[in-house]
């Protein structure tokens, strides 16, 4: 985003460009992290189950609701 501003884009356009160009990488990383934390949810220790479910849900919400719904409006 900083590079886009340095090239002369307005701040809002630079943010939109940054989100658009990094969307695939961020989504791929979110899929991998949700899969890893889902494995934690299958373990026998209750603390690890809670950790896996909590972090997996947080990342899933971030990758879907925040990025797909809220940031798409920009």
PDB file of N, CA and C in Angstrom:
ATOM      1  N   UNK A   1       0.813  -1.168   0.000  1.00  0.00           N
ATOM      2  CA  UNK A   1       0.000   0.000   0.000  1.00  0.00           C
ATOM      3  C   UNK A   1       0.869   1.249   0.000  1.00  0.00           C
ATOM      4  N   UNK A   2       1.938   1.168   0.732  1.00  0.00           N
ATOM      5  CA  UNK A   2       2.847   2.324   0.785  1.00  0.00           C
ATOM      6  C   UNK A   2       3.413   2.613  -0.601  1.00  0.00           C
ATOM      7  N   UNK A   3       3.764   1.570  -1.332  1.00  0.00           N
ATOM      8  CA  UNK A   3       4.324   1.748  -2.665  1.00  0.00           C
ATOM      9  C   UNK A   3       3.302   2.372  -3.614  1.00  0.00           C
ATOM     10  N   UNK A   4       2.043   1.989  -3.467  1.00  0.00           N
ATOM     11  CA  UNK A   4       0.995   2.554  -4.316  1.00  0.00           C
ATOM     12  C   UNK A   4       0.808   4.039  -4.022  1.00  0.00           C
ATOM     13  N   UNK A   5       0.884   4.408  -2.753  1.00  0.00           N
ATOM     14  CA  UNK A   5       0.791   5.832  -2.404  1.00  0.00           C
ATOM     15  C   UNK A   5       1.992   6.582  -2.964  1.00  0.00           C
ATOM     16  N   UNK A   6       3.166   5.974  -2.874  1.00  0.00           N
ATOM     17  CA  UNK A   6       4.368   6.615  -3.412  1.00  0.00           C
ATOM     18  C   UNK A   6       4.289   6.791  -4.923  1.00  0.00           C
ATOM     19  N   UNK A   7       3.545   5.908  -5.613  1.00  0.00           N
ATOM     20  CA  UNK A   7       3.376   6.040  -7.067  1.00  0.00           C
ATOM     21  C   UNK A   7       2.307   7.057  -7.437  1.00  0.00           C
ATOM     22  N   UNK A   8       1.629   7.604  -6.443  1.00  0.00           N
ATOM     23  CA  UNK A   8       0.685   8.664  -6.723  1.00  0.00           C
ATOM     24  C   UNK A   8      -0.779   8.309  -6.538  1.00  0.00           C
ATOM     25  N   UNK A   9      -1.084   7.111  -6.124  1.00  0.00           N
ATOM     26  CA  UNK A   9      -2.476   6.758  -5.866  1.00  0.00           C
ATOM     27  C   UNK A   9      -2.952   7.428  -4.587  1.00  0.00           C
ATOM     28  N   UNK A  10      -4.233   7.740  -4.544  1.00  0.00           N
ATOM     29  CA  UNK A  10      -4.807   8.261  -3.310  1.00  0.00           C
ATOM     30  C   UNK A  10      -4.851   7.131  -2.289  1.00  0.00           C
ATOM     31  N   UNK A  11      -4.960   7.500  -1.030  1.00  0.00           N
ATOM     32  CA  UNK A  11      -4.889   6.524   0.052  1.00  0.00           C
ATOM     33  C   UNK A  11      -5.962   5.446  -0.088  1.00  0.00           C
ATOM     34  N   UNK A  12      -7.194   5.833  -0.369  1.00  0.00           N
ATOM     35  CA  UNK A  12      -8.272   4.854  -0.490  1.00  0.00           C
ATOM     36  C   UNK A  12      -8.030   3.904  -1.655  1.00  0.00           C
ATOM     37  N   UNK A  13      -7.555   4.406  -2.773  1.00  0.00           N
ATOM     38  CA  UNK A  13      -7.247   3.550  -3.918  1.00  0.00           C
ATOM     39  C   UNK A  13      -6.063   2.635  -3.619  1.00  0.00           C
ATOM     40  N   UNK A  14      -5.089   3.139  -2.867  1.00  0.00           N
ATOM     41  CA  UNK A  14      -3.926   2.318  -2.509  1.00  0.00           C
ATOM     42  C   UNK A  14      -4.324   1.177  -1.593  1.00  0.00           C
ATOM     43  N   UNK A  15      -5.216   1.446  -0.636  1.00  0.00           N
ATOM     44  CA  UNK A  15      -5.700   0.392   0.258  1.00  0.00           C
ATOM     45  C   UNK A  15      -6.472  -0.652  -0.533  1.00  0.00           C
ATOM     46  N   UNK A  16      -7.341  -0.212  -1.436  1.00  0.00           N
ATOM     47  CA  UNK A  16      -8.091  -1.153  -2.270  1.00  0.00           C
ATOM     48  C   UNK A  16      -7.162  -1.996  -3.126  1.00  0.00           C
ATOM     49  N   UNK A  17      -6.139  -1.390  -3.679  1.00  0.00           N
ATOM     50  CA  UNK A  17      -5.161  -2.125  -4.492  1.00  0.00           C
ATOM     51  C   UNK A  17      -4.394  -3.135  -3.633  1.00  0.00           C
ATOM     52  N   UNK A  18      -3.996  -2.730  -2.434  1.00  0.00           N
ATOM     53  CA  UNK A  18      -3.269  -3.637  -1.549  1.00  0.00           C
ATOM     54  C   UNK A  18      -4.097  -4.832  -1.136  1.00  0.00           C
ATOM     55  N   UNK A  19      -5.357  -4.597  -0.829  1.00  0.00           N
ATOM     56  CA  UNK A  19      -6.244  -5.696  -0.448  1.00  0.00           C
ATOM     57  C   UNK A  19      -6.449  -6.638  -1.621  1.00  0.00           C
ATOM     58  N   UNK A  20      -6.626  -6.066  -2.806  1.00  0.00           N
ATOM     59  CA  UNK A  20      -6.876  -6.885  -3.994  1.00  0.00           C
ATOM     60  C   UNK A  20      -5.661  -7.747  -4.352  1.00  0.00           C
ATOM     61  N   UNK A  21      -4.466  -7.188  -4.241  1.00  0.00           N
ATOM     62  CA  UNK A  21      -3.283  -7.941  -4.646  1.00  0.00           C
ATOM     63  C   UNK A  21      -2.844  -8.989  -3.617  1.00  0.00           C
ATOM     64  N   UNK A  22      -3.227  -8.825  -2.358  1.00  0.00           N
ATOM     65  CA  UNK A  22      -2.817  -9.788  -1.340  1.00  0.00           C
ATOM     66  C   UNK A  22      -3.926 -10.759  -0.953  1.00  0.00           C
ATOM     67  N   UNK A  23      -5.089 -10.641  -1.560  1.00  0.00           N
ATOM     68  CA  UNK A  23      -6.248 -11.449  -1.154  1.00  0.00           C
ATOM     69  C   UNK A  23      -5.983 -12.949  -1.291  1.00  0.00           C
ATOM     70  N   UNK A  24      -5.380 -13.382  -2.377  1.00  0.00           N
ATOM     71  CA  UNK A  24      -5.122 -14.803  -2.583  1.00  0.00           C
ATOM     72  C   UNK A  24      -4.178 -15.382  -1.553  1.00  0.00           C
ATOM     73  N   UNK A  25      -3.129 -14.659  -1.252  1.00  0.00           N
ATOM     74  CA  UNK A  25      -2.150 -15.120  -0.271  1.00  0.00           C
ATOM     75  C   UNK A  25      -2.761 -15.183   1.128  1.00  0.00           C
ATOM     76  N   UNK A  26      -3.511 -14.164   1.498  1.00  0.00           N
ATOM     77  CA  UNK A  26      -4.131 -14.128   2.818  1.00  0.00           C
ATOM     78  C   UNK A  26      -5.160 -15.248   2.958  1.00  0.00           C
ATOM     79  N   UNK A  27      -5.950 -15.471   1.920  1.00  0.00           N
ATOM     80  CA  UNK A  27      -6.955 -16.532   1.965  1.00  0.00           C
ATOM     81  C   UNK A  27      -6.304 -17.910   2.048  1.00  0.00           C
ATOM     82  N   UNK A  28      -5.249 -18.127   1.292  1.00  0.00           N
ATOM     83  CA  UNK A  28      -4.537 -19.408   1.349  1.00  0.00           C
ATOM     84  C   UNK A  28      -3.952 -19.657   2.737  1.00  0.00           C
ATOM     85  N   UNK A  29      -3.366 -18.640   3.315  1.00  0.00           N
ATOM     86  CA  UNK A  29      -2.812 -18.783   4.666  1.00  0.00           C
ATOM     87  C   UNK A  29      -3.922 -19.068   5.676  1.00  0.00           C
ATOM     88  N   UNK A  30      -5.066 -18.436   5.510  1.00  0.00           N
ATOM     89  CA  UNK A  30      -6.183 -18.675   6.424  1.00  0.00           C
ATOM     90  C   UNK A  30      -6.682 -20.112   6.321  1.00  0.00           C
ATOM     91  N   UNK A  31      -6.744 -20.651   5.125  1.00  0.00           N
ATOM     92  CA  UNK A  31      -7.190 -22.040   4.940  1.00  0.00           C
ATOM     93  C   UNK A  31      -6.239 -22.998   5.649  1.00  0.00           C
ATOM     94  N   UNK A  32      -4.950 -22.773   5.493  1.00  0.00           N
ATOM     95  CA  UNK A  32      -3.960 -23.638   6.138  1.00  0.00           C
ATOM     96  C   UNK A  32      -4.071 -23.531   7.657  1.00  0.00           C
ATOM     97  N   UNK A  33      -4.211 -22.314   8.183  1.00  0.00           N
ATOM     98  CA  UNK A  33      -4.290 -22.138   9.630  1.00  0.00           C
ATOM     99  C   UNK A  33      -5.560 -22.748  10.216  1.00  0.00           C
ATOM    100  N   UNK A  34      -6.689 -22.611   9.516  1.00  0.00           N
ATOM    101  CA  UNK A  34      -7.931 -23.228   9.991  1.00  0.00           C
ATOM    102  C   UNK A  34      -7.781 -24.745  10.017  1.00  0.00           C
ATOM    103  N   UNK A  35      -7.131 -25.319   9.002  1.00  0.00           N
ATOM    104  CA  UNK A  35      -6.927 -26.764   8.969  1.00  0.00           C
ATOM    105  C   UNK A  35      -6.055 -27.226  10.138  1.00  0.00           C
ATOM    106  N   UNK A  36      -5.007 -26.487  10.430  1.00  0.00           N
ATOM    107  CA  UNK A  36      -4.119 -26.856  11.542  1.00  0.00           C
ATOM    108  C   UNK A  36      -4.866 -26.767  12.870  1.00  0.00           C
ATOM    109  N   UNK A  37      -5.622 -25.697  13.076  1.00  0.00           N
ATOM    110  CA  UNK A  37      -6.342 -25.551  14.331  1.00  0.00           C
ATOM    111  C   UNK A  37      -7.497 -26.535  14.439  1.00  0.00           C
ATOM    112  N   UNK A  38      -8.038 -26.972  13.325  1.00  0.00           N
ATOM    113  CA  UNK A  38      -9.070 -28.014  13.367  1.00  0.00           C
ATOM    114  C   UNK A  38      -8.482 -29.325  13.878  1.00  0.00           C
ATOM    115  N   UNK A  39      -7.229 -29.580  13.565  1.00  0.00           N
ATOM    116  CA  UNK A  39      -6.562 -30.775  14.093  1.00  0.00           C
ATOM    117  C   UNK A  39      -6.417 -30.668  15.608  1.00  0.00           C
ATOM    118  N   UNK A  40      -6.130 -29.467  16.105  1.00  0.00           N
ATOM    119  CA  UNK A  40      -6.056 -29.274  17.559  1.00  0.00           C
ATOM    120  C   UNK A  40      -7.378 -29.652  18.220  1.00  0.00           C
ATOM    121  N   UNK A  41      -8.488 -29.390  17.551  1.00  0.00           N
ATOM    122  CA  UNK A  41      -9.807 -29.662  18.131  1.00  0.00           C
ATOM    123  C   UNK A  41     -10.071 -31.159  18.283  1.00  0.00           C
ATOM    124  N   UNK A  42      -9.297 -31.995  17.614  1.00  0.00           N
ATOM    125  CA  UNK A  42      -9.499 -33.444  17.710  1.00  0.00           C
ATOM    126  C   UNK A  42      -8.644 -34.080  18.806  1.00  0.00           C
ATOM    127  N   UNK A  43      -7.786 -33.315  19.456  1.00  0.00           N
ATOM    128  CA  UNK A  43      -6.914 -33.874  20.486  1.00  0.00           C
ATOM    129  C   UNK A  43      -7.690 -34.134  21.775  1.00  0.00           C
ATOM    130  N   UNK A  44      -7.084 -34.897  22.648  1.00  0.00           N
ATOM    131  CA  UNK A  44      -7.800 -35.307  23.862  1.00  0.00           C
ATOM    132  C   UNK A  44      -7.759 -34.269  24.986  1.00  0.00           C
ATOM    133  N   UNK A  45      -6.797 -33.394  24.998  1.00  0.00           N
ATOM    134  CA  UNK A  45      -6.706 -32.392  26.062  1.00  0.00           C
ATOM    135  C   UNK A  45      -7.703 -31.267  25.805  1.00  0.00           C
ATOM    136  N   UNK A  46      -8.495 -30.942  26.796  1.00  0.00           N
ATOM    137  CA  UNK A  46      -9.562 -29.957  26.646  1.00  0.00           C
ATOM    138  C   UNK A  46      -9.017 -28.566  26.311  1.00  0.00           C
ATOM    139  N   UNK A  47      -7.848 -28.219  26.867  1.00  0.00           N
ATOM    140  CA  UNK A  47      -7.270 -26.905  26.605  1.00  0.00           C
ATOM    141  C   UNK A  47      -6.902 -26.760  25.132  1.00  0.00           C
ATOM    142  N   UNK A  48      -6.353 -27.819  24.551  1.00  0.00           N
ATOM    143  CA  UNK A  48      -5.986 -27.763  23.134  1.00  0.00           C
ATOM    144  C   UNK A  48      -7.226 -27.743  22.241  1.00  0.00           C
ATOM    145  N   UNK A  49      -8.272 -28.443  22.657  1.00  0.00           N
ATOM    146  CA  UNK A  49      -9.531 -28.385  21.907  1.00  0.00           C
ATOM    147  C   UNK A  49     -10.070 -26.958  21.899  1.00  0.00           C
ATOM    148  N   UNK A  50     -10.074 -26.315  23.071  1.00  0.00           N
ATOM    149  CA  UNK A  50     -10.567 -24.952  23.160  1.00  0.00           C
ATOM    150  C   UNK A  50      -9.719 -24.008  22.310  1.00  0.00           C
ATOM    151  N   UNK A  51      -8.421 -24.184  22.368  1.00  0.00           N
ATOM    152  CA  UNK A  51      -7.515 -23.373  21.569  1.00  0.00           C
ATOM    153  C   UNK A  51      -7.790 -23.565  20.086  1.00  0.00           C
ATOM    154  N   UNK A  52      -7.932 -24.806  19.663  1.00  0.00           N
ATOM    155  CA  UNK A  52      -8.166 -25.099  18.253  1.00  0.00           C
ATOM    156  C   UNK A  52      -9.473 -24.537  17.743  1.00  0.00           C
ATOM    157  N   UNK A  53     -10.538 -24.732  18.512  1.00  0.00           N
ATOM    158  CA  UNK A  53     -11.845 -24.227  18.089  1.00  0.00           C
ATOM    159  C   UNK A  53     -11.857 -22.702  18.092  1.00  0.00           C
ATOM    160  N   UNK A  54     -11.311 -22.104  19.127  1.00  0.00           N
ATOM    161  CA  UNK A  54     -11.320 -20.644  19.230  1.00  0.00           C
ATOM    162  C   UNK A  54     -10.513 -19.967  18.144  1.00  0.00           C
ATOM    163  N   UNK A  55      -9.283 -20.409  17.943  1.00  0.00           N
ATOM    164  CA  UNK A  55      -8.444 -19.796  16.915  1.00  0.00           C
ATOM    165  C   UNK A  55      -8.947 -20.111  15.509  1.00  0.00           C
ATOM    166  N   UNK A  56      -9.412 -21.337  15.302  1.00  0.00           N
ATOM    167  CA  UNK A  56      -9.958 -21.691  13.993  1.00  0.00           C
ATOM    168  C   UNK A  56     -11.171 -20.843  13.644  1.00  0.00           C
ATOM    169  N   UNK A  57     -12.052 -20.645  14.618  1.00  0.00           N
ATOM    170  CA  UNK A  57     -13.241 -19.816  14.370  1.00  0.00           C
ATOM    171  C   UNK A  57     -12.851 -18.362  14.122  1.00  0.00           C
ATOM    172  N   UNK A  58     -11.903 -17.853  14.884  1.00  0.00           N
ATOM    173  CA  UNK A  58     -11.474 -16.462  14.703  1.00  0.00           C
ATOM    174  C   UNK A  58     -10.876 -16.230  13.320  1.00  0.00           C
ATOM    175  N   UNK A  59     -10.055 -17.142  12.875  1.00  0.00           N
ATOM    176  CA  UNK A  59      -9.432 -16.990  11.564  1.00  0.00           C
ATOM    177  C   UNK A  59     -10.468 -17.152  10.456  1.00  0.00           C
ATOM    178  N   UNK A  60     -11.378 -18.097  10.627  1.00  0.00           N
ATOM    179  CA  UNK A  60     -12.437 -18.290   9.636  1.00  0.00           C
ATOM    180  C   UNK A  60     -13.321 -17.049   9.533  1.00  0.00           C
ATOM    181  N   UNK A  61     -13.660 -16.453  10.658  1.00  0.00           N
ATOM    182  CA  UNK A  61     -14.457 -15.222  10.641  1.00  0.00           C
ATOM    183  C   UNK A  61     -13.684 -14.096   9.967  1.00  0.00           C
ATOM    184  N   UNK A  62     -12.401 -13.977  10.270  1.00  0.00           N
ATOM    185  CA  UNK A  62     -11.590 -12.928   9.655  1.00  0.00           C
ATOM    186  C   UNK A  62     -11.489 -13.124   8.152  1.00  0.00           C
ATOM    187  N   UNK A  63     -11.252 -14.361   7.724  1.00  0.00           N
ATOM    188  CA  UNK A  63     -11.053 -14.616   6.299  1.00  0.00           C
ATOM    189  C   UNK A  63     -12.344 -14.490   5.502  1.00  0.00           C
ATOM    190  N   UNK A  64     -13.481 -14.754   6.122  1.00  0.00           N
ATOM    191  CA  UNK A  64     -14.730 -14.689   5.367  1.00  0.00           C
ATOM    192  C   UNK A  64     -15.459 -13.379   5.590  1.00  0.00           C
ATOM    193  N   UNK A  65     -15.893 -13.132   6.805  1.00  0.00           N
ATOM    194  CA  UNK A  65     -16.714 -11.947   7.053  1.00  0.00           C
ATOM    195  C   UNK A  65     -15.946 -10.645   6.870  1.00  0.00           C
ATOM    196  N   UNK A  66     -14.818 -10.528   7.518  1.00  0.00           N
ATOM    197  CA  UNK A  66     -14.094  -9.262   7.475  1.00  0.00           C
ATOM    198  C   UNK A  66     -13.568  -8.988   6.079  1.00  0.00           C
ATOM    199  N   UNK A  67     -12.868  -9.932   5.487  1.00  0.00           N
ATOM    200  CA  UNK A  67     -12.251  -9.672   4.183  1.00  0.00           C
ATOM    201  C   UNK A  67     -13.231  -9.717   3.023  1.00  0.00           C
ATOM    202  N   UNK A  68     -14.138 -10.667   3.030  1.00  0.00           N
ATOM    203  CA  UNK A  68     -15.054 -10.805   1.895  1.00  0.00           C
ATOM    204  C   UNK A  68     -16.226  -9.834   1.959  1.00  0.00           C
ATOM    205  N   UNK A  69     -16.691  -9.537   3.149  1.00  0.00           N
ATOM    206  CA  UNK A  69     -17.888  -8.692   3.260  1.00  0.00           C
ATOM    207  C   UNK A  69     -17.534  -7.238   3.559  1.00  0.00           C
ATOM    208  N   UNK A  70     -16.793  -7.012   4.624  1.00  0.00           N
ATOM    209  CA  UNK A  70     -16.539  -5.636   5.038  1.00  0.00           C
ATOM    210  C   UNK A  70     -15.535  -4.914   4.144  1.00  0.00           C
ATOM    211  N   UNK A  71     -14.453  -5.580   3.765  1.00  0.00           N
ATOM    212  CA  UNK A  71     -13.431  -4.909   2.957  1.00  0.00           C
ATOM    213  C   UNK A  71     -13.810  -4.818   1.487  1.00  0.00           C
ATOM    214  N   UNK A  72     -14.749  -5.611   1.038  1.00  0.00           N
ATOM    215  CA  UNK A  72     -15.153  -5.570  -0.363  1.00  0.00           C
ATOM    216  C   UNK A  72     -15.833  -4.250  -0.708  1.00  0.00           C
ATOM    217  N   UNK A  73     -16.400  -3.594   0.270  1.00  0.00           N
ATOM    218  CA  UNK A  73     -17.136  -2.349   0.022  1.00  0.00           C
ATOM    219  C   UNK A  73     -16.223  -1.198  -0.307  1.00  0.00           C
ATOM    220  N   UNK A  74     -14.950  -1.314  -0.098  1.00  0.00           N
ATOM    221  CA  UNK A  74     -14.010  -0.214  -0.379  1.00  0.00           C
ATOM    222  C   UNK A  74     -13.752  -0.086  -1.843  1.00  0.00           C
TER     223      UNK A  74
END
